[in-house]
N, C-alpha and C. Protein backbone atom coordinates (compact mmCIF):
# COMPACT_ATOMS: atom_id res chain seq x y z
N MET A 1 -10.46 34.04 -18.38
CA MET A 1 -10.51 35.44 -17.96
C MET A 1 -9.74 36.63 -19.09
N SER A 2 -10.13 37.41 -18.61
CA SER A 2 -9.77 38.70 -19.63
C SER A 2 -8.36 39.22 -18.68
N TYR A 3 -7.79 39.90 -19.76
CA TYR A 3 -6.01 40.54 -18.97
C TYR A 3 -6.10 42.00 -19.33
N LYS A 4 -6.80 42.51 -19.26
CA LYS A 4 -6.87 43.94 -19.78
C LYS A 4 -6.50 44.88 -18.41
N HIS A 5 -6.16 44.54 -17.10
CA HIS A 5 -5.88 44.94 -16.21
C HIS A 5 -4.78 44.46 -15.40
N THR A 6 -3.74 45.09 -14.80
CA THR A 6 -3.17 44.65 -13.79
C THR A 6 -3.78 44.35 -12.41
N GLY A 7 -3.26 43.32 -11.93
CA GLY A 7 -3.55 42.94 -10.43
C GLY A 7 -2.46 43.42 -9.24
N TYR A 8 -2.69 43.11 -8.55
CA TYR A 8 -2.73 44.17 -7.00
C TYR A 8 -2.38 42.87 -5.98
N LEU A 9 -0.90 42.78 -5.49
CA LEU A 9 -0.67 41.78 -4.29
C LEU A 9 -0.22 43.03 -2.66
N SER A 10 -1.32 42.60 -2.21
CA SER A 10 -1.38 43.31 -0.47
C SER A 10 -0.84 42.18 0.58
N ILE A 11 0.14 43.03 1.42
CA ILE A 11 0.94 42.04 2.44
C ILE A 11 0.51 43.23 3.98
N ALA A 12 0.10 42.67 4.73
CA ALA A 12 0.09 43.88 6.34
C ALA A 12 1.75 43.67 6.59
N LYS A 13 1.86 44.63 7.17
CA LYS A 13 3.25 44.45 8.17
C LYS A 13 3.57 43.82 9.63
N ASN A 14 1.94 44.68 9.95
CA ASN A 14 2.08 44.27 11.43
C ASN A 14 0.73 44.14 11.79
N LYS A 15 0.41 44.38 12.81
CA LYS A 15 -1.70 44.37 13.40
C LYS A 15 -2.38 45.66 12.61
N GLN A 16 -1.70 46.59 13.08
CA GLN A 16 -2.13 47.88 12.11
C GLN A 16 -2.40 47.58 11.00
N GLY A 17 -1.67 46.95 9.96
CA GLY A 17 -1.68 46.59 8.72
C GLY A 17 -2.96 45.62 8.56
N LEU A 18 -3.12 44.91 8.94
CA LEU A 18 -4.48 44.37 9.17
C LEU A 18 -5.53 44.85 8.72
N ASP A 19 -5.81 45.61 10.25
CA ASP A 19 -6.89 46.35 9.64
C ASP A 19 -7.12 47.17 8.80
N ASP A 20 -5.80 48.01 8.41
CA ASP A 20 -5.78 48.98 7.03
C ASP A 20 -6.03 48.06 5.59
N LEU A 21 -5.32 47.03 5.44
CA LEU A 21 -6.39 46.25 4.91
C LEU A 21 -7.86 46.01 4.44
N GLU A 22 -7.78 45.98 6.02
CA GLU A 22 -9.63 45.30 5.79
C GLU A 22 -10.46 46.55 5.60
N TYR A 23 -9.82 47.93 6.21
CA TYR A 23 -10.74 49.00 6.06
C TYR A 23 -10.34 49.90 4.78
N ARG A 24 -9.46 49.52 3.99
CA ARG A 24 -8.80 49.66 2.54
C ARG A 24 -8.24 50.97 2.75
N ARG A 25 -7.26 51.30 3.39
CA ARG A 25 -6.41 52.76 3.93
C ARG A 25 -4.77 52.24 3.88
N GLU A 26 -4.65 52.99 2.59
CA GLU A 26 -3.34 53.07 2.15
C GLU A 26 -1.88 53.51 2.62
N THR A 27 -1.38 52.74 3.59
CA THR A 27 -0.66 53.22 4.79
C THR A 27 0.80 52.38 4.60
N LYS A 28 1.98 52.70 5.17
CA LYS A 28 2.59 52.00 5.37
C LYS A 28 3.19 50.57 5.70
N ASN A 29 1.92 50.19 6.58
CA ASN A 29 1.74 49.41 7.62
C ASN A 29 1.52 48.53 5.99
N ILE A 30 0.88 48.59 4.79
CA ILE A 30 1.24 47.75 4.06
C ILE A 30 1.98 47.58 2.84
N ILE A 31 2.36 46.45 2.35
CA ILE A 31 2.95 46.19 0.76
C ILE A 31 2.25 46.40 -0.48
N MET A 32 2.46 46.76 -0.95
CA MET A 32 1.69 46.62 -2.18
C MET A 32 2.68 46.23 -3.45
N ILE A 33 2.35 45.04 -4.00
CA ILE A 33 3.18 44.19 -5.18
C ILE A 33 2.26 44.01 -6.31
N ILE A 34 2.50 45.07 -7.28
CA ILE A 34 2.21 44.98 -8.62
C ILE A 34 1.65 43.71 -8.84
N LEU A 35 1.40 42.74 -9.63
CA LEU A 35 1.48 41.44 -10.52
C LEU A 35 0.74 42.02 -11.77
N PRO A 36 2.10 42.13 -12.62
CA PRO A 36 1.74 42.33 -14.62
C PRO A 36 0.91 41.24 -15.14
N ASP A 37 0.35 42.10 -15.76
CA ASP A 37 -0.52 41.16 -16.63
C ASP A 37 0.00 40.03 -17.53
N LYS A 38 1.53 40.05 -17.96
CA LYS A 38 1.61 38.83 -18.51
C LYS A 38 2.32 37.34 -17.57
N GLU A 39 2.39 37.80 -16.66
CA GLU A 39 1.97 37.22 -15.04
C GLU A 39 1.37 36.36 -14.54
N CYS A 40 0.58 37.35 -14.61
CA CYS A 40 -0.94 36.90 -14.06
C CYS A 40 -1.49 35.94 -15.13
N LYS A 41 -1.33 36.39 -16.23
CA LYS A 41 -1.82 35.57 -17.86
C LYS A 41 -1.22 34.50 -17.92
N ALA A 42 0.09 34.20 -17.62
CA ALA A 42 0.73 32.75 -17.72
C ALA A 42 0.40 31.74 -16.43
N LEU A 43 0.23 32.39 -15.38
CA LEU A 43 -0.27 32.18 -13.61
C LEU A 43 -1.75 31.14 -14.34
N ASP A 44 -2.29 31.81 -14.73
CA ASP A 44 -3.67 31.63 -14.92
C ASP A 44 -3.49 30.29 -16.29
N GLU A 45 -2.78 30.43 -16.67
CA GLU A 45 -2.81 29.41 -17.98
C GLU A 45 -2.21 28.26 -17.09
N LEU A 46 -1.06 27.85 -16.47
CA LEU A 46 -0.54 26.91 -15.76
C LEU A 46 -1.66 26.41 -15.07
N GLY A 47 -2.63 26.92 -14.34
CA GLY A 47 -3.57 26.94 -13.33
C GLY A 47 -2.99 26.70 -12.33
N ILE A 48 -2.45 27.71 -11.83
CA ILE A 48 -1.58 28.27 -10.35
C ILE A 48 -2.94 28.29 -9.85
N PHE A 49 -3.90 29.29 -10.35
CA PHE A 49 -4.80 30.33 -9.51
C PHE A 49 -5.75 28.93 -9.56
N ASP A 50 -5.82 27.75 -10.48
CA ASP A 50 -7.25 27.67 -10.59
C ASP A 50 -6.89 25.94 -9.11
N ILE A 51 -5.50 25.91 -8.95
CA ILE A 51 -5.18 24.42 -8.20
C ILE A 51 -4.90 25.44 -6.32
N ILE A 52 -4.40 26.75 -6.52
CA ILE A 52 -4.83 27.89 -5.10
C ILE A 52 -6.50 27.28 -4.69
N ASN A 53 -7.35 27.90 -5.63
CA ASN A 53 -8.64 27.67 -5.38
C ASN A 53 -9.45 27.02 -5.14
N LYS A 54 -8.79 25.47 -5.33
CA LYS A 54 -9.54 24.39 -4.93
C LYS A 54 -8.94 24.06 -3.92
N LYS A 55 -7.56 23.76 -3.56
CA LYS A 55 -7.16 23.54 -2.19
C LYS A 55 -7.73 24.06 -0.94
N TYR A 56 -7.55 25.57 -1.38
CA TYR A 56 -8.23 26.45 -0.24
C TYR A 56 -9.78 26.98 -0.40
N HIS A 57 -10.25 26.20 -1.31
CA HIS A 57 -11.71 27.14 -1.24
C HIS A 57 -11.70 28.44 -1.32
N LEU A 58 -10.98 28.97 -2.08
CA LEU A 58 -10.97 30.41 -2.48
C LEU A 58 -11.40 30.72 -3.81
N LEU A 59 -11.27 31.51 -4.18
CA LEU A 59 -12.25 32.64 -5.84
C LEU A 59 -11.01 33.29 -5.85
N ILE A 60 -9.85 33.07 -6.43
CA ILE A 60 -8.90 34.14 -6.92
C ILE A 60 -9.65 34.05 -8.28
N ASP A 61 -10.16 35.53 -8.71
CA ASP A 61 -10.45 35.46 -10.12
C ASP A 61 -10.62 36.83 -10.51
N PHE A 62 -10.60 37.32 -11.87
CA PHE A 62 -10.76 39.07 -11.75
C PHE A 62 -12.03 39.24 -11.44
N SER A 63 -11.87 40.81 -11.10
CA SER A 63 -13.14 41.55 -10.48
C SER A 63 -13.77 40.80 -8.60
N GLU A 64 -12.49 40.17 -8.25
CA GLU A 64 -12.83 39.35 -6.81
C GLU A 64 -11.34 39.88 -6.31
N THR A 65 -11.34 40.29 -4.77
CA THR A 65 -10.40 40.13 -3.94
C THR A 65 -10.22 38.95 -3.21
N GLU A 66 -9.56 38.28 -3.14
CA GLU A 66 -9.05 36.96 -2.28
C GLU A 66 -8.25 37.21 -1.56
N ASP A 67 -8.03 36.29 -0.02
CA ASP A 67 -6.70 36.09 0.61
C ASP A 67 -6.25 35.25 0.78
N ILE A 68 -5.34 34.56 0.48
CA ILE A 68 -4.32 33.93 0.99
C ILE A 68 -4.44 33.47 2.31
N PRO A 69 -4.18 32.44 2.79
CA PRO A 69 -4.10 32.53 4.47
C PRO A 69 -2.64 31.70 4.67
N ALA A 70 -2.42 32.66 5.82
CA ALA A 70 -0.96 32.25 6.32
C ALA A 70 -0.53 30.84 6.50
N GLU A 71 -1.59 30.05 6.53
CA GLU A 71 -0.61 28.28 6.57
C GLU A 71 -1.31 27.61 5.29
N ALA A 72 -1.43 28.51 4.33
CA ALA A 72 -1.32 28.06 2.76
C ALA A 72 0.26 29.04 2.23
N ILE A 73 0.56 29.52 2.82
CA ILE A 73 1.49 30.24 1.75
C ILE A 73 2.95 29.69 1.23
N GLU A 74 3.13 29.00 2.47
CA GLU A 74 4.35 27.78 2.01
C GLU A 74 4.07 27.23 0.86
N GLU A 75 2.81 26.50 0.75
CA GLU A 75 2.65 25.50 -0.09
C GLU A 75 2.42 26.16 -1.49
N CYS A 76 2.07 27.52 -1.64
CA CYS A 76 1.92 27.84 -2.40
C CYS A 76 2.94 28.35 -3.38
N ILE A 77 4.26 29.07 -2.55
CA ILE A 77 5.85 28.84 -2.53
C ILE A 77 6.09 28.13 -3.32
N ASN A 78 5.85 26.65 -2.98
CA ASN A 78 6.15 25.38 -3.30
C ASN A 78 5.60 25.13 -4.89
N LEU A 79 4.85 24.96 -5.45
CA LEU A 79 3.89 25.47 -6.49
C LEU A 79 4.39 25.97 -7.40
N LEU A 80 4.76 27.36 -7.19
CA LEU A 80 5.74 28.03 -8.49
C LEU A 80 7.09 27.57 -8.27
N GLU A 81 7.77 26.68 -8.00
CA GLU A 81 9.13 26.30 -7.33
C GLU A 81 9.05 25.77 -9.16
N SER A 82 8.45 24.93 -9.65
CA SER A 82 8.52 24.46 -10.37
C SER A 82 8.16 25.31 -12.24
N THR A 83 7.88 26.72 -11.55
CA THR A 83 7.66 27.13 -13.09
C THR A 83 8.85 28.32 -13.22
N SER A 84 8.48 28.79 -14.38
CA SER A 84 9.39 30.34 -14.84
C SER A 84 8.83 31.06 -14.04
N TYR A 85 8.28 31.53 -13.08
CA TYR A 85 7.79 32.47 -12.29
C TYR A 85 7.74 32.41 -10.85
N LYS A 86 9.11 31.47 -10.76
CA LYS A 86 9.35 31.67 -9.28
C LYS A 86 10.38 32.36 -8.44
N ASN A 87 10.18 33.46 -9.55
CA ASN A 87 11.41 34.70 -8.80
C ASN A 87 10.16 35.64 -9.45
N GLY A 88 8.82 35.07 -10.02
CA GLY A 88 7.95 36.63 -10.18
C GLY A 88 7.27 37.57 -8.76
N ALA A 89 6.69 38.48 -9.42
CA ALA A 89 6.03 39.43 -8.71
C ALA A 89 5.40 38.60 -7.56
N PHE A 90 4.30 37.40 -8.10
CA PHE A 90 3.36 36.82 -7.07
C PHE A 90 4.41 35.91 -6.36
N ALA A 91 6.02 35.08 -6.39
CA ALA A 91 6.30 34.58 -5.56
C ALA A 91 7.26 35.38 -4.73
N LYS A 92 7.06 36.59 -5.00
CA LYS A 92 7.81 37.46 -3.97
C LYS A 92 6.97 38.08 -2.90
N ALA A 93 5.35 37.94 -3.45
CA ALA A 93 4.69 38.43 -2.38
C ALA A 93 4.07 37.38 -1.75
N LEU A 94 4.36 35.93 -2.00
CA LEU A 94 4.39 35.08 -1.30
C LEU A 94 5.06 34.89 -0.07
N ARG A 95 6.45 35.14 -0.53
CA ARG A 95 7.76 35.04 0.31
C ARG A 95 7.76 36.34 1.22
N THR A 96 7.19 37.37 1.24
CA THR A 96 7.21 38.76 2.31
C THR A 96 5.82 38.13 2.75
N ALA A 97 4.31 37.90 2.51
CA ALA A 97 4.01 37.18 3.57
C ALA A 97 4.41 36.07 4.41
N GLN A 98 4.74 35.29 3.46
CA GLN A 98 5.54 34.20 4.74
C GLN A 98 6.44 35.28 6.02
N LYS A 99 7.30 35.75 5.32
CA LYS A 99 8.44 36.77 6.17
C LYS A 99 7.36 37.69 7.40
N TYR A 100 6.29 38.22 6.98
CA TYR A 100 5.63 38.68 8.12
C TYR A 100 4.29 37.61 8.72
N LYS A 101 4.33 36.35 8.53
CA LYS A 101 3.54 35.64 8.84
C LYS A 101 2.01 36.12 8.96
N THR A 102 1.57 36.62 7.41
CA THR A 102 0.11 37.03 7.27
C THR A 102 -0.54 36.28 5.80
N TYR A 103 -1.25 36.62 5.85
CA TYR A 103 -2.16 36.23 4.93
C TYR A 103 -1.66 37.11 3.41
N LEU A 104 -2.42 36.65 2.40
CA LEU A 104 -1.35 37.55 1.15
C LEU A 104 -2.78 38.01 0.07
N GLU A 105 -3.41 39.29 0.23
CA GLU A 105 -4.56 39.51 -0.52
C GLU A 105 -3.94 39.61 -1.93
N VAL A 106 -4.90 39.06 -2.53
CA VAL A 106 -4.80 39.40 -4.07
C VAL A 106 -6.31 39.60 -4.95
N GLY A 107 -5.85 40.85 -5.81
CA GLY A 107 -6.61 41.25 -6.05
C GLY A 107 -6.55 41.60 -7.09
N LEU A 108 -7.38 40.98 -8.78
CA LEU A 108 -7.36 40.71 -10.08
C LEU A 108 -8.10 41.95 -10.17
N LEU A 109 -8.07 42.55 -11.56
CA LEU A 109 -8.79 43.53 -11.75
C LEU A 109 -9.12 43.77 -13.20
């Protein structure tokens, strides 16, 4: 993977936020968290994205937008607990999605 651009993590706060995400509208119903290049690279090198991709049949990769389903959020949080990024932007986004009982949209650009 190339690490020239920052990724973004989006969480819908409510039903309207789900619609806003689907139609790419930026509103107060969506929480956006930036995934810094350094953290993105480290998570990739640790194999975190590969583990999530394989387990949930996803394609978290650059130039792709992928949704981590709500039912996978807790396991993804647990996966990060053993890393130095357990309090990073990705973990924060996962915990926020868990709080709102929704999925996490991951966009790596």
